[in-house]
PDB file of all heavy atoms in Angstrom:
ATOM      1  N   SER A   1      91.013  80.542 -29.801  1.00  0.00           N
ATOM      2  CA  SER A   1      91.037  81.888 -30.386  1.00  0.00           C
ATOM      3  C   SER A   1      91.487  81.875 -31.836  1.00  0.00           C
ATOM      4  O   SER A   1      92.032  80.890 -32.335  1.00  0.00           O
ATOM      5  CB  SER A   1      91.974  82.799 -29.578  1.00  0.00           C
ATOM      6  OG  SER A   1      93.317  82.349 -29.714  1.00  0.00           O
ATOM      7  N   TRP A   2      91.215  83.016 -32.515  1.00  0.00           N
ATOM      8  CA  TRP A   2      91.794  83.308 -33.816  1.00  0.00           C
ATOM      9  C   TRP A   2      92.822  84.415 -33.619  1.00  0.00           C
ATOM     10  O   TRP A   2      92.573  85.379 -32.878  1.00  0.00           O
ATOM     11  CB  TRP A   2      90.745  83.823 -34.793  1.00  0.00           C
ATOM     12  CG  TRP A   2      89.760  82.810 -35.250  1.00  0.00           C
ATOM     13  CD1 TRP A   2      89.994  81.701 -36.013  1.00  0.00           C
ATOM     14  CD2 TRP A   2      88.355  82.809 -34.990  1.00  0.00           C
ATOM     15  NE1 TRP A   2      88.833  81.016 -36.249  1.00  0.00           N
ATOM     16  CE2 TRP A   2      87.809  81.674 -35.632  1.00  0.00           C
ATOM     17  CE3 TRP A   2      87.507  83.658 -34.290  1.00  0.00           C
ATOM     18  CZ2 TRP A   2      86.460  81.373 -35.576  1.00  0.00           C
ATOM     19  CZ3 TRP A   2      86.165  83.362 -34.232  1.00  0.00           C
ATOM     20  CH2 TRP A   2      85.647  82.231 -34.864  1.00  0.00           C
ATOM     21  N   GLY A   3      93.954  84.313 -34.275  1.00  0.00           N
ATOM     22  CA  GLY A   3      94.980  85.330 -34.126  1.00  0.00           C
ATOM     23  C   GLY A   3      95.407  85.915 -35.455  1.00  0.00           C
ATOM     24  O   GLY A   3      95.413  85.234 -36.483  1.00  0.00           O
ATOM     25  N   VAL A   4      95.730  87.190 -35.449  1.00  0.00           N
ATOM     26  CA  VAL A   4      96.225  87.895 -36.628  1.00  0.00           C
ATOM     27  C   VAL A   4      97.476  88.664 -36.217  1.00  0.00           C
ATOM     28  O   VAL A   4      97.460  89.384 -35.208  1.00  0.00           O
ATOM     29  CB  VAL A   4      95.183  88.884 -37.180  1.00  0.00           C
ATOM     30  CG1 VAL A   4      95.766  89.673 -38.349  1.00  0.00           C
ATOM     31  CG2 VAL A   4      93.929  88.160 -37.601  1.00  0.00           C
ATOM     32  N   SER A   5      98.557  88.500 -36.975  1.00  0.00           N
ATOM     33  CA  SER A   5      99.807  89.198 -36.680  1.00  0.00           C
ATOM     34  C   SER A   5     100.287  89.952 -37.910  1.00  0.00           C
ATOM     35  O   SER A   5     100.288  89.409 -39.018  1.00  0.00           O
ATOM     36  CB  SER A   5     100.887  88.205 -36.226  1.00  0.00           C
ATOM     37  OG  SER A   5     100.504  87.541 -35.041  1.00  0.00           O
ATOM     38  N   ILE A   6     100.681  91.192 -37.687  1.00  0.00           N
ATOM     39  CA  ILE A   6     101.186  92.056 -38.758  1.00  0.00           C
ATOM     40  C   ILE A   6     102.527  92.639 -38.314  1.00  0.00           C
ATOM     41  O   ILE A   6     102.631  93.151 -37.187  1.00  0.00           O
ATOM     42  CB  ILE A   6     100.191  93.203 -39.052  1.00  0.00           C
ATOM     43  CG1 ILE A   6      98.849  92.637 -39.513  1.00  0.00           C
ATOM     44  CG2 ILE A   6     100.754  94.157 -40.096  1.00  0.00           C
ATOM     45  CD1 ILE A   6      97.779  93.687 -39.699  1.00  0.00           C
ATOM     46  N   PRO A   7     103.549  92.559 -39.141  1.00  0.00           N
ATOM     47  CA  PRO A   7     104.856  93.106 -38.747  1.00  0.00           C
ATOM     48  C   PRO A   7     104.836  94.631 -38.707  1.00  0.00           C
ATOM     49  O   PRO A   7     103.909  95.271 -39.212  1.00  0.00           O
ATOM     50  CB  PRO A   7     105.781  92.595 -39.850  1.00  0.00           C
ATOM     51  CG  PRO A   7     104.883  92.433 -41.041  1.00  0.00           C
ATOM     52  CD  PRO A   7     103.571  91.971 -40.488  1.00  0.00           C
ATOM     53  N   ALA A   8     105.865  95.208 -38.117  1.00  0.00           N
ATOM     54  CA  ALA A   8     105.986  96.665 -38.073  1.00  0.00           C
ATOM     55  C   ALA A   8     105.986  97.216 -39.506  1.00  0.00           C
ATOM     56  O   ALA A   8     106.525  96.592 -40.421  1.00  0.00           O
ATOM     57  CB  ALA A   8     107.274  97.058 -37.352  1.00  0.00           C
ATOM     58  N   PHE A   9     105.377  98.379 -39.687  1.00  0.00           N
ATOM     59  CA  PHE A   9     105.267  98.934 -41.027  1.00  0.00           C
ATOM     60  C   PHE A   9     105.135 100.453 -40.979  1.00  0.00           C
ATOM     61  O   PHE A   9     104.837 101.046 -39.942  1.00  0.00           O
ATOM     62  CB  PHE A   9     104.056  98.343 -41.758  1.00  0.00           C
ATOM     63  CG  PHE A   9     102.722  98.692 -41.124  1.00  0.00           C
ATOM     64  CD1 PHE A   9     101.935  99.727 -41.617  1.00  0.00           C
ATOM     65  CD2 PHE A   9     102.256  97.985 -40.020  1.00  0.00           C
ATOM     66  CE1 PHE A   9     100.715 100.044 -41.045  1.00  0.00           C
ATOM     67  CE2 PHE A   9     101.034  98.291 -39.433  1.00  0.00           C
ATOM     68  CZ  PHE A   9     100.265  99.315 -39.943  1.00  0.00           C
ATOM     69  N   VAL A  10     105.363 101.061 -42.136  1.00  0.00           N
ATOM     70  CA  VAL A  10     105.162 102.502 -42.300  1.00  0.00           C
ATOM     71  C   VAL A  10     103.848 102.684 -43.074  1.00  0.00           C
ATOM     72  O   VAL A  10     103.753 102.285 -44.241  1.00  0.00           O
ATOM     73  CB  VAL A  10     106.330 103.150 -43.081  1.00  0.00           C
ATOM     74  CG1 VAL A  10     106.051 104.639 -43.288  1.00  0.00           C
ATOM     75  CG2 VAL A  10     107.642 102.918 -42.362  1.00  0.00           C
ATOM     76  N   PRO A  11     102.816 103.236 -42.451  1.00  0.00           N
ATOM     77  CA  PRO A  11     101.494 103.312 -43.088  1.00  0.00           C
ATOM     78  C   PRO A  11     101.495 103.916 -44.481  1.00  0.00           C
ATOM     79  O   PRO A  11     100.826 103.405 -45.385  1.00  0.00           O
ATOM     80  CB  PRO A  11     100.693 104.169 -42.101  1.00  0.00           C
ATOM     81  CG  PRO A  11     101.320 103.883 -40.779  1.00  0.00           C
ATOM     82  CD  PRO A  11     102.785 103.755 -41.067  1.00  0.00           C
ATOM     83  N   THR A  12     102.246 104.989 -44.683  1.00  0.00           N
ATOM     84  CA  THR A  12     102.216 105.649 -45.991  1.00  0.00           C
ATOM     85  C   THR A  12     102.845 104.794 -47.080  1.00  0.00           C
ATOM     86  O   THR A  12     102.609 105.018 -48.274  1.00  0.00           O
ATOM     87  CB  THR A  12     102.946 106.994 -45.925  1.00  0.00           C
ATOM     88  OG1 THR A  12     104.253 106.806 -45.358  1.00  0.00           O
ATOM     89  CG2 THR A  12     102.167 107.994 -45.068  1.00  0.00           C
ATOM     90  N   ASP A  13     103.640 103.792 -46.696  1.00  0.00           N
ATOM     91  CA  ASP A  13     104.292 102.920 -47.673  1.00  0.00           C
ATOM     92  C   ASP A  13     103.532 101.617 -47.909  1.00  0.00           C
ATOM     93  O   ASP A  13     103.616 101.037 -48.999  1.00  0.00           O
ATOM     94  CB  ASP A  13     105.711 102.567 -47.215  1.00  0.00           C
ATOM     95  CG  ASP A  13     106.641 103.780 -47.221  1.00  0.00           C
ATOM     96  OD1 ASP A  13     106.322 104.759 -47.936  1.00  0.00           O
ATOM     97  OD2 ASP A  13     107.670 103.733 -46.518  1.00  0.00           O
ATOM     98  N   PHE A  14     102.789 101.161 -46.901  1.00  0.00           N
ATOM     99  CA  PHE A  14     102.208  99.825 -46.982  1.00  0.00           C
ATOM    100  C   PHE A  14     100.682  99.777 -46.866  1.00  0.00           C
ATOM    101  O   PHE A  14     100.106  98.699 -46.828  1.00  0.00           O
ATOM    102  CB  PHE A  14     102.818  98.937 -45.885  1.00  0.00           C
ATOM    103  CG  PHE A  14     104.261  98.615 -46.108  1.00  0.00           C
ATOM    104  CD1 PHE A  14     105.256  99.383 -45.522  1.00  0.00           C
ATOM    105  CD2 PHE A  14     104.627  97.562 -46.933  1.00  0.00           C
ATOM    106  CE1 PHE A  14     106.593  99.088 -45.736  1.00  0.00           C
ATOM    107  CE2 PHE A  14     105.956  97.265 -47.152  1.00  0.00           C
ATOM    108  CZ  PHE A  14     106.949  98.033 -46.552  1.00  0.00           C
ATOM    109  N   VAL A  15     100.046 100.925 -46.842  1.00  0.00           N
ATOM    110  CA  VAL A  15      98.581 100.958 -46.757  1.00  0.00           C
ATOM    111  C   VAL A  15      98.049 101.900 -47.828  1.00  0.00           C
ATOM    112  O   VAL A  15      98.566 103.014 -48.002  1.00  0.00           O
ATOM    113  CB  VAL A  15      98.094 101.428 -45.370  1.00  0.00           C
ATOM    114  CG1 VAL A  15      96.567 101.421 -45.316  1.00  0.00           C
ATOM    115  CG2 VAL A  15      98.666 100.547 -44.266  1.00  0.00           C
ATOM    116  N   ALA A  16      97.017 101.456 -48.563  1.00  0.00           N
ATOM    117  CA  ALA A  16      96.359 102.329 -49.543  1.00  0.00           C
ATOM    118  C   ALA A  16      95.403 103.240 -48.771  1.00  0.00           C
ATOM    119  O   ALA A  16      94.244 102.897 -48.529  1.00  0.00           O
ATOM    120  CB  ALA A  16      95.599 101.492 -50.566  1.00  0.00           C
ATOM    121  N   LEU A  17      95.896 104.385 -48.377  1.00  0.00           N
ATOM    122  CA  LEU A  17      95.138 105.282 -47.506  1.00  0.00           C
ATOM    123  C   LEU A  17      94.171 106.153 -48.297  1.00  0.00           C
ATOM    124  O   LEU A  17      94.517 106.655 -49.377  1.00  0.00           O
ATOM    125  CB  LEU A  17      96.107 106.176 -46.726  1.00  0.00           C
ATOM    126  CG  LEU A  17      97.055 105.466 -45.760  1.00  0.00           C
ATOM    127  CD1 LEU A  17      98.165 106.416 -45.323  1.00  0.00           C
ATOM    128  CD2 LEU A  17      96.284 104.955 -44.549  1.00  0.00           C
ATOM    129  N   PRO A  18      92.973 106.375 -47.785  1.00  0.00           N
ATOM    130  CA  PRO A  18      92.060 107.325 -48.431  1.00  0.00           C
ATOM    131  C   PRO A  18      92.662 108.727 -48.402  1.00  0.00           C
ATOM    132  O   PRO A  18      93.412 109.076 -47.486  1.00  0.00           O
ATOM    133  CB  PRO A  18      90.795 107.237 -47.561  1.00  0.00           C
ATOM    134  CG  PRO A  18      90.904 105.947 -46.828  1.00  0.00           C
ATOM    135  CD  PRO A  18      92.369 105.724 -46.611  1.00  0.00           C
ATOM    136  N   LYS A  19      92.332 109.519 -49.382  1.00  0.00           N
ATOM    137  CA  LYS A  19      92.852 110.871 -49.455  1.00  0.00           C
ATOM    138  C   LYS A  19      92.436 111.662 -48.213  1.00  0.00           C
ATOM    139  O   LYS A  19      91.274 111.662 -47.823  1.00  0.00           O
ATOM    140  CB  LYS A  19      92.323 111.577 -50.707  1.00  0.00           C
ATOM    141  CG  LYS A  19      92.902 112.968 -50.911  1.00  0.00           C
ATOM    142  CD  LYS A  19      92.394 113.589 -52.203  1.00  0.00           C
ATOM    143  CE  LYS A  19      92.989 114.992 -52.408  1.00  0.00           C
ATOM    144  NZ  LYS A  19      92.510 115.603 -53.682  1.00  0.00           N
ATOM    145  N   GLY A  20      93.404 112.293 -47.584  1.00  0.00           N
ATOM    146  CA  GLY A  20      93.124 113.116 -46.407  1.00  0.00           C
ATOM    147  C   GLY A  20      93.124 112.357 -45.095  1.00  0.00           C
ATOM    148  O   GLY A  20      92.915 112.955 -44.038  1.00  0.00           O
ATOM    149  N   ALA A  21      93.383 111.050 -45.123  1.00  0.00           N
ATOM    150  CA  ALA A  21      93.376 110.258 -43.887  1.00  0.00           C
ATOM    151  C   ALA A  21      94.528 110.682 -42.984  1.00  0.00           C
ATOM    152  O   ALA A  21      95.649 110.916 -43.442  1.00  0.00           O
ATOM    153  CB  ALA A  21      93.474 108.773 -44.213  1.00  0.00           C
ATOM    154  N   THR A  22      94.259 110.757 -41.699  1.00  0.00           N
ATOM    155  CA  THR A  22      95.290 111.119 -40.720  1.00  0.00           C
ATOM    156  C   THR A  22      95.630 109.956 -39.795  1.00  0.00           C
ATOM    157  O   THR A  22      96.709 109.924 -39.206  1.00  0.00           O
ATOM    158  CB  THR A  22      94.828 112.308 -39.863  1.00  0.00           C
ATOM    159  OG1 THR A  22      93.615 111.955 -39.172  1.00  0.00           O
ATOM    160  CG2 THR A  22      94.576 113.534 -40.724  1.00  0.00           C
ATOM    161  N   HIS A  23      94.697 109.014 -39.643  1.00  0.00           N
ATOM    162  CA  HIS A  23      94.908 107.859 -38.772  1.00  0.00           C
ATOM    163  C   HIS A  23      94.315 106.613 -39.435  1.00  0.00           C
ATOM    164  O   HIS A  23      93.476 106.718 -40.332  1.00  0.00           O
ATOM    165  CB  HIS A  23      94.241 108.058 -37.403  1.00  0.00           C
ATOM    166  CG  HIS A  23      94.849 109.149 -36.584  1.00  0.00           C
ATOM    167  ND1 HIS A  23      94.659 110.485 -36.862  1.00  0.00           N
ATOM    168  CD2 HIS A  23      95.663 109.093 -35.484  1.00  0.00           C
ATOM    169  CE1 HIS A  23      95.312 111.231 -35.968  1.00  0.00           C
ATOM    170  NE2 HIS A  23      95.928 110.398 -35.129  1.00  0.00           N
ATOM    171  N   LEU A  24      94.756 105.470 -38.977  1.00  0.00           N
ATOM    172  CA  LEU A  24      94.146 104.213 -39.430  1.00  0.00           C
ATOM    173  C   LEU A  24      94.002 103.283 -38.232  1.00  0.00           C
ATOM    174  O   LEU A  24      94.594 103.498 -37.172  1.00  0.00           O
ATOM    175  CB  LEU A  24      94.970 103.563 -40.534  1.00  0.00           C
ATOM    176  CG  LEU A  24      96.381 103.064 -40.186  1.00  0.00           C
ATOM    177  CD1 LEU A  24      96.344 101.615 -39.670  1.00  0.00           C
ATOM    178  CD2 LEU A  24      97.285 103.136 -41.411  1.00  0.00           C
ATOM    179  N   ARG A  25      93.211 102.248 -38.429  1.00  0.00           N
ATOM    180  CA  ARG A  25      92.992 101.275 -37.370  1.00  0.00           C
ATOM    181  C   ARG A  25      92.847  99.903 -38.015  1.00  0.00           C
ATOM    182  O   ARG A  25      92.144  99.746 -39.014  1.00  0.00           O
ATOM    183  CB  ARG A  25      91.736 101.633 -36.571  1.00  0.00           C
ATOM    184  CG  ARG A  25      91.370 100.619 -35.496  1.00  0.00           C
ATOM    185  CD  ARG A  25      90.385 101.208 -34.505  1.00  0.00           C
ATOM    186  NE  ARG A  25      89.292 101.887 -35.177  1.00  0.00           N
ATOM    187  CZ  ARG A  25      88.571 102.867 -34.632  1.00  0.00           C
ATOM    188  NH1 ARG A  25      88.844 103.300 -33.419  1.00  0.00           N
ATOM    189  NH2 ARG A  25      87.594 103.426 -35.301  1.00  0.00           N
TER     190      ARG A  25
END
């Protein structure tokens, strides 16, 4: 398998969110 791990985070601080976004995946 291939594995990807991401630590706990606050989306508004660590993701460049599109304007008006309410959820991410």
